[in-house]
Protein backbone atom coordinates (compact mmCIF):
# COMPACT_ATOMS: atom_id res chain seq x y z
CA MET A 1 0.00 0.00 0.00
CA THR A 2 1.49 3.29 -1.10
CA LYS A 3 1.20 6.64 0.59
CA ASP A 4 -1.14 7.79 -2.17
CA THR A 5 -3.59 4.92 -1.65
CA LEU A 6 -3.42 4.75 2.16
CA VAL A 7 -6.82 5.24 3.77
CA LEU A 8 -6.88 5.83 7.52
CA LYS A 9 -9.64 3.99 9.36
CA GLU A 10 -10.92 5.36 12.64
CA LEU A 11 -12.17 3.16 15.45
CA GLU A 12 -15.92 2.67 15.11
CA ILE A 13 -17.21 2.72 18.67
CA THR A 14 -20.80 3.75 18.05
CA PRO A 15 -23.70 1.26 18.30
CA ASN A 16 -24.94 -0.71 15.28
CA ARG A 17 -21.64 -0.81 13.46
CA ALA A 18 -21.89 -2.33 10.00
CA ILE A 19 -20.22 -5.70 9.35
CA THR A 20 -18.58 -5.66 5.93
CA PRO A 21 -18.23 -8.64 3.56
CA GLU A 22 -14.45 -8.26 3.87
CA TRP A 23 -14.70 -8.58 7.66
CA ARG A 24 -16.85 -11.70 7.37
CA LYS A 25 -14.39 -13.31 4.99
CA LYS A 26 -11.42 -12.61 7.25
CA ALA A 27 -13.31 -13.78 10.34
CA TYR A 28 -14.11 -17.05 8.60
CA CYS A 29 -10.51 -17.57 7.44
CA GLU A 30 -8.85 -16.66 10.75
CA LEU A 31 -11.45 -17.65 13.36
CA GLY A 32 -13.70 -20.12 11.58
CA GLU A 33 -16.61 -17.77 12.24
CA SER A 34 -19.84 -17.89 10.31
CA ASP A 35 -23.36 -16.87 11.28
CA GLU A 36 -24.19 -20.48 12.08
CA VAL A 37 -21.02 -21.08 14.12
CA ARG A 38 -21.46 -17.84 16.04
CA LYS A 39 -25.08 -18.55 16.93
CA ALA A 40 -24.45 -22.12 18.10
CA SER A 41 -21.27 -21.21 19.96
CA LEU A 42 -22.88 -18.30 21.77
CA SER A 43 -25.70 -20.54 22.99
CA GLU A 44 -23.22 -23.08 24.38
CA PHE A 45 -20.91 -20.45 25.85
CA LYS A 46 -23.76 -18.60 27.57
CA GLN A 47 -24.74 -21.84 29.29
CA LEU A 48 -21.17 -22.42 30.46
CA VAL A 49 -20.74 -18.97 32.00
CA GLN A 50 -24.12 -19.21 33.72
CA GLU A 51 -22.86 -22.30 35.51
CA LEU A 52 -19.75 -20.63 36.95
CA PRO A 53 -19.84 -20.75 40.76
CA ASP A 54 -19.58 -17.50 42.74
CA CYS A 55 -19.79 -15.42 39.56
CA VAL A 56 -22.53 -13.02 38.48
CA PRO A 57 -22.29 -13.53 34.70
CA ARG A 58 -22.52 -10.77 32.14
CA LEU A 59 -24.48 -12.33 29.30
CA GLU A 60 -24.94 -9.86 26.44
CA GLU A 61 -24.04 -11.63 23.22
CA ASP A 62 -21.95 -8.68 22.02
CA PHE A 63 -19.82 -9.14 25.15
CA LEU A 64 -19.62 -12.93 25.09
CA VAL A 65 -18.61 -13.13 21.44
CA ARG A 66 -15.45 -11.17 22.18
CA PHE A 67 -14.10 -14.09 24.23
CA LEU A 68 -15.00 -16.61 21.53
CA ARG A 69 -13.30 -14.54 18.85
CA ALA A 70 -10.21 -13.98 20.99
CA LYS A 71 -9.82 -17.76 21.34
CA LYS A 72 -10.94 -18.74 17.83
CA TYR A 73 -14.15 -20.30 19.13
CA ASP A 74 -12.41 -22.73 21.49
CA GLN A 75 -15.02 -22.94 24.27
CA GLU A 76 -12.62 -24.17 26.96
CA LYS A 77 -10.05 -21.45 26.31
CA ALA A 78 -12.74 -18.78 26.02
CA LEU A 79 -14.21 -19.82 29.36
CA LYS A 80 -10.80 -19.67 31.02
CA MET A 81 -10.32 -16.15 29.65
CA TYR A 82 -13.79 -15.14 30.84
CA LYS A 83 -12.95 -16.27 34.38
CA ASN A 84 -9.54 -14.58 34.34
CA PHE A 85 -11.12 -11.35 33.10
CA PHE A 86 -13.28 -11.08 36.20
CA LYS A 87 -10.85 -12.65 38.70
CA VAL A 88 -8.36 -9.78 38.35
CA ARG A 89 -10.67 -7.73 40.57
CA LEU A 90 -10.02 -10.11 43.45
CA LEU A 91 -6.36 -9.00 43.61
CA ASP A 92 -7.57 -5.68 45.04
CA PRO A 93 -11.29 -4.90 44.62
CA LYS A 94 -10.75 -1.20 45.32
CA ILE A 95 -8.27 -0.78 42.44
CA TYR A 96 -8.95 -3.38 39.76
CA SER A 97 -12.30 -2.77 38.00
CA PRO A 98 -14.00 -1.67 41.24
CA VAL A 99 -17.71 -2.30 41.64
CA GLY A 100 -19.88 0.79 41.22
CA LYS A 101 -17.19 2.84 39.50
CA GLY A 102 -16.67 4.13 35.97
CA PRO A 103 -14.51 6.47 33.87
CA LYS A 104 -15.56 9.63 35.70
CA ASP A 105 -14.08 8.14 38.87
CA VAL A 106 -10.58 8.06 37.37
CA VAL A 107 -10.50 11.52 35.78
CA GLU A 108 -7.40 12.48 37.74
CA LEU A 109 -5.54 9.49 36.33
CA TYR A 110 -6.45 10.39 32.77
CA LYS A 111 -5.19 13.92 33.44
CA LEU A 112 -1.73 12.49 34.14
CA ASN A 113 -1.48 11.60 30.42
CA VAL A 114 -0.19 8.11 31.08
CA GLY A 115 -2.42 6.20 28.66
CA PHE A 116 -3.78 7.01 25.23
CA LEU A 117 -5.94 5.26 22.68
CA LEU A 118 -4.99 6.20 19.14
CA LYS A 119 -7.96 7.22 17.02
CA HIS A 120 -6.99 5.28 13.91
CA ARG A 121 -6.31 1.59 13.45
CA ASN A 122 -2.89 0.50 12.26
CA PRO A 123 -2.96 0.21 8.42
CA ILE A 124 -0.35 -2.55 8.60
CA ASN A 125 -2.49 -5.08 10.46
CA GLY A 126 -5.78 -3.37 11.37
CA ALA A 127 -5.04 -3.39 15.10
CA CYS A 128 -5.82 -0.58 17.49
CA VAL A 129 -2.90 0.97 19.37
CA ILE A 130 -2.70 1.83 23.07
CA VAL A 131 0.12 4.11 24.19
CA TRP A 132 1.61 4.04 27.67
CA GLN A 133 4.07 6.66 28.91
CA PHE A 134 4.95 8.38 32.16
CA GLY A 135 3.43 11.75 31.30
CA GLN A 136 2.89 13.70 34.49
CA TRP A 137 2.84 10.54 36.61
CA THR A 138 5.53 10.41 39.31
CA PRO A 139 5.76 8.45 42.57
CA GLU A 140 4.84 11.68 44.34
CA THR A 141 1.34 11.65 42.80
CA GLY A 142 0.42 8.85 45.18
CA TYR A 143 -0.42 6.42 42.38
CA ASP A 144 1.47 3.25 41.56
CA LEU A 145 1.41 0.95 38.54
CA SER A 146 -1.71 -0.86 39.73
CA HIS A 147 -3.76 2.33 39.38
CA ILE A 148 -3.07 2.37 35.62
CA TYR A 149 -4.97 -0.89 35.12
CA THR A 150 -8.59 0.29 35.34
CA PRO A 151 -8.25 3.43 33.16
CA THR A 152 -6.54 1.28 30.52
CA ILE A 153 -9.26 -1.36 30.71
CA TYR A 154 -11.92 1.28 30.16
CA ALA A 155 -10.13 2.47 27.02
CA VAL A 156 -9.72 -1.06 25.64
CA GLU A 157 -13.39 -1.76 26.39
CA LEU A 158 -14.26 1.27 24.30
CA ALA A 159 -12.09 0.07 21.40
CA LEU A 160 -13.52 -3.45 21.52
CA ARG A 161 -16.93 -2.12 20.57
CA ASP A 162 -15.46 -2.04 17.07
CA PRO A 163 -15.71 -5.53 15.49
CA GLU A 164 -12.58 -4.74 13.51
CA VAL A 165 -10.63 -4.56 16.77
CA GLN A 166 -12.14 -7.83 17.97
CA LEU A 167 -10.82 -9.42 14.78
CA ASN A 168 -7.51 -7.59 14.31
CA GLY A 169 -6.50 -7.15 17.95
CA PHE A 170 -4.52 -4.49 19.74
CA MET A 171 -0.92 -3.38 20.18
CA PHE A 172 0.88 -1.57 22.97
CA LEU A 173 3.34 1.25 22.35
CA ILE A 174 5.25 1.86 25.59
CA ASN A 175 7.39 4.97 25.88
CA PHE A 176 10.00 4.78 28.66
CA ILE A 177 11.29 8.31 28.22
CA ASN A 178 11.75 10.12 31.56
CA MET A 179 11.79 6.89 33.54
CA GLU A 180 14.03 7.22 36.59
CA TRP A 181 15.25 4.87 39.30
CA ARG A 182 12.74 6.27 41.79
CA PHE A 183 9.89 4.90 39.66
CA LEU A 184 10.86 1.32 40.50
CA LYS A 185 9.30 1.62 43.94
CA VAL A 186 5.85 1.98 42.35
CA PHE A 187 6.34 -0.97 39.97
CA GLY A 188 4.82 -3.53 42.31
CA LEU A 189 5.18 -7.16 41.24
CA ASN A 190 1.47 -7.72 41.81
CA ALA A 191 0.59 -4.92 39.39
CA VAL A 192 3.07 -6.13 36.76
CA ARG A 193 1.57 -9.60 36.95
CA ALA A 194 -2.01 -8.29 36.72
CA LEU A 195 -1.24 -6.19 33.64
CA ILE A 196 0.61 -8.99 31.87
CA ASN A 197 -1.92 -11.70 32.72
CA THR A 198 -4.67 -9.47 31.44
CA ALA A 199 -2.84 -8.80 28.18
CA GLN A 200 -2.13 -12.44 27.42
CA ASP A 201 -5.06 -14.43 28.79
CA GLY A 202 -7.38 -12.21 30.79
CA TYR A 203 -8.95 -9.86 28.31
CA PRO A 204 -11.11 -10.68 25.27
CA ALA A 205 -8.80 -9.24 22.66
CA ARG A 206 -6.07 -10.58 20.41
CA PHE A 207 -2.68 -9.29 21.55
CA LYS A 208 -0.56 -8.38 18.53
CA GLY A 209 2.56 -7.09 20.23
CA ALA A 210 4.24 -4.54 22.48
CA HIS A 211 6.69 -1.99 21.11
CA ILE A 212 9.12 -0.36 23.52
CA VAL A 213 10.77 2.97 22.71
CA ASN A 214 13.22 5.27 24.49
CA HIS A 215 14.14 2.60 27.01
CA SER A 216 17.12 2.94 29.33
CA PRO A 217 19.06 0.27 31.25
CA LEU A 218 16.17 0.35 33.73
CA TRP A 219 14.21 -1.57 31.12
CA ASN A 220 16.21 -4.68 31.99
CA ILE A 221 14.85 -4.56 35.54
CA VAL A 222 11.26 -4.06 34.41
CA TRP A 223 11.64 -6.82 31.81
CA GLY A 224 13.09 -9.10 34.45
CA MET A 225 9.99 -8.58 36.57
CA GLY A 226 7.53 -9.20 33.78
CA ARG A 227 9.23 -11.81 31.59
CA PRO A 228 8.49 -14.86 33.83
CA PHE A 229 4.75 -14.21 33.52
CA LEU A 230 4.80 -14.07 29.71
CA SER A 231 4.24 -17.06 27.48
CA TYR A 232 6.98 -17.80 24.95
CA LYS A 233 4.60 -16.69 22.21
CA LEU A 234 4.13 -13.26 23.77
CA ARG A 235 7.82 -12.84 24.58
CA ASP A 236 8.46 -13.01 20.85
CA ARG A 237 5.98 -10.18 20.34
CA VAL A 238 7.89 -7.68 22.48
CA HIS A 239 10.03 -5.43 20.28
CA LEU A 240 12.67 -2.93 21.37
CA HIS A 241 13.28 0.13 19.19
CA GLY A 242 15.30 2.46 21.40
CA SER A 243 15.04 5.95 19.91
CA ASP A 244 14.85 4.66 16.33
CA MET A 245 11.36 5.71 15.26
CA SER A 246 11.90 4.42 11.72
CA SER A 247 12.18 0.94 13.27
CA LEU A 248 8.88 1.51 15.09
CA HIS A 249 7.24 2.67 11.85
CA ARG A 250 7.87 -0.72 10.27
CA HIS A 251 5.35 -2.14 12.75
CA ILE A 252 3.02 0.80 13.43
CA ASP A 253 2.54 3.02 10.41
CA LYS A 254 3.61 6.62 10.95
CA SER A 255 0.37 7.80 9.33
CA ILE A 256 -1.53 7.04 12.56
CA LEU A 257 1.21 7.95 15.03
CA PRO A 258 1.33 11.35 16.78
CA SER A 259 4.26 13.66 16.22
CA ASP A 260 5.60 12.48 19.61
CA PHE A 261 6.82 9.40 17.70
CA ASP A 262 7.76 11.18 14.45
CA GLY A 263 4.32 10.40 13.10
CA ASP A 264 1.98 12.35 10.84
CA GLN A 265 -0.73 13.02 13.43
CA PRO A 266 -0.88 15.96 15.89
CA PRO A 267 0.65 15.55 19.37
CA MET A 268 -1.04 13.00 21.59
CA SER A 269 -4.29 13.96 23.25
CA SER A 270 -6.71 11.95 25.35
CA ASP A 271 -9.59 14.34 24.70
CA TRP A 272 -11.35 12.32 22.00
CA PHE A 273 -11.59 9.03 23.88
CA THR A 274 -12.06 10.39 27.40
CA LYS A 275 -15.02 12.39 26.10
CA GLU A 276 -16.54 9.15 24.83
CA LEU A 277 -15.76 7.39 28.10
CA TYR A 278 -17.29 10.07 30.29
CA GLU A 279 -20.45 10.13 28.17
CA GLN A 280 -20.82 6.37 28.69
CA HIS A 281 -19.91 6.44 32.38
CA ASP A 282 -23.26 5.00 33.49
CA ASP A 283 -22.88 1.99 31.20
CA PHE A 284 -19.45 1.23 32.66
CA VAL A 285 -20.85 1.49 36.18
CA LYS A 286 -23.69 -0.87 35.31
CA ASN A 287 -21.27 -3.42 33.86
CA SER A 288 -19.06 -3.26 36.95
CA TYR A 289 -21.66 -5.23 38.90
CA TYR A 290 -20.82 -8.47 37.11
CA GLY A 291 -18.15 -11.06 37.80
CA TYR A 292 -16.56 -12.18 41.03
CA GLY A 293 -16.76 -10.29 44.30
CA VAL A 294 -20.33 -9.07 43.75
CA ASN A 295 -23.78 -10.34 44.72
CA ASN A 296 -26.74 -10.97 42.45
CA LYS A 297 -28.71 -8.39 44.38
CA ASP A 298 -26.10 -5.77 43.46
CA VAL A 299 -26.65 -6.13 39.70
CA GLN A 300 -28.08 -2.93 38.28
CA SER A 301 -31.23 -3.20 36.20
């Protein structure tokens, strides 16, 4: 695809998104999905999640199908991912996807400019891109790595409303510029494990890789903490680029990247996706009453 023919495709996060013939063909080739397979699989999967002990199941088909697609319609693997998705909360119910909370409850974290959801999908593979950086976050803010989990999950949830993202997956772009030794005290092992487990087998999305830029020798310590929790498959999907943005552009096209990474887009801003998140705050709160650590009587009607 040449620069002249490149067409940028924005995330489609509004209801009633159209399913294109091209999407259906790719879903069949990569996932084995057809209308018949999806219908039968959803019926079986819904029954399985309803039988989970101590879990208040979220049963909308649009939600359940994400797990089936992430695991190529393998019911056993999809069920394991479904359980892992909700079990993260049990690590610390006040921090990880807390019950009764939504995007408006983490406004201060979004203001730190730590996480961003890029507006366009990557032309190279169709994936959406999540950017992590330090921004205005320092140990003195009172937040540690675990507090980054829920704001990130809200953003990914928003992106997954686009069927293209469910099919093509997501990528992380992690910018280590301005990382200092004092940050290590807020990189708790529990938080590292929660973030990694979610990325590889605890969230209904296909993980297409993590790209690390501007890393210092401190990266070796962070990598040493996280590497044991990664499968061999995911270890191979972690790419180091240093300060070489042309290397990054071979994986994430510069046409969708902000100027912060020598891309063609304006400097990074969280305004577009936080606006969407805040407008849908009540839906996120409603959905927080499912999973483990809640009671049936708590489920919002």
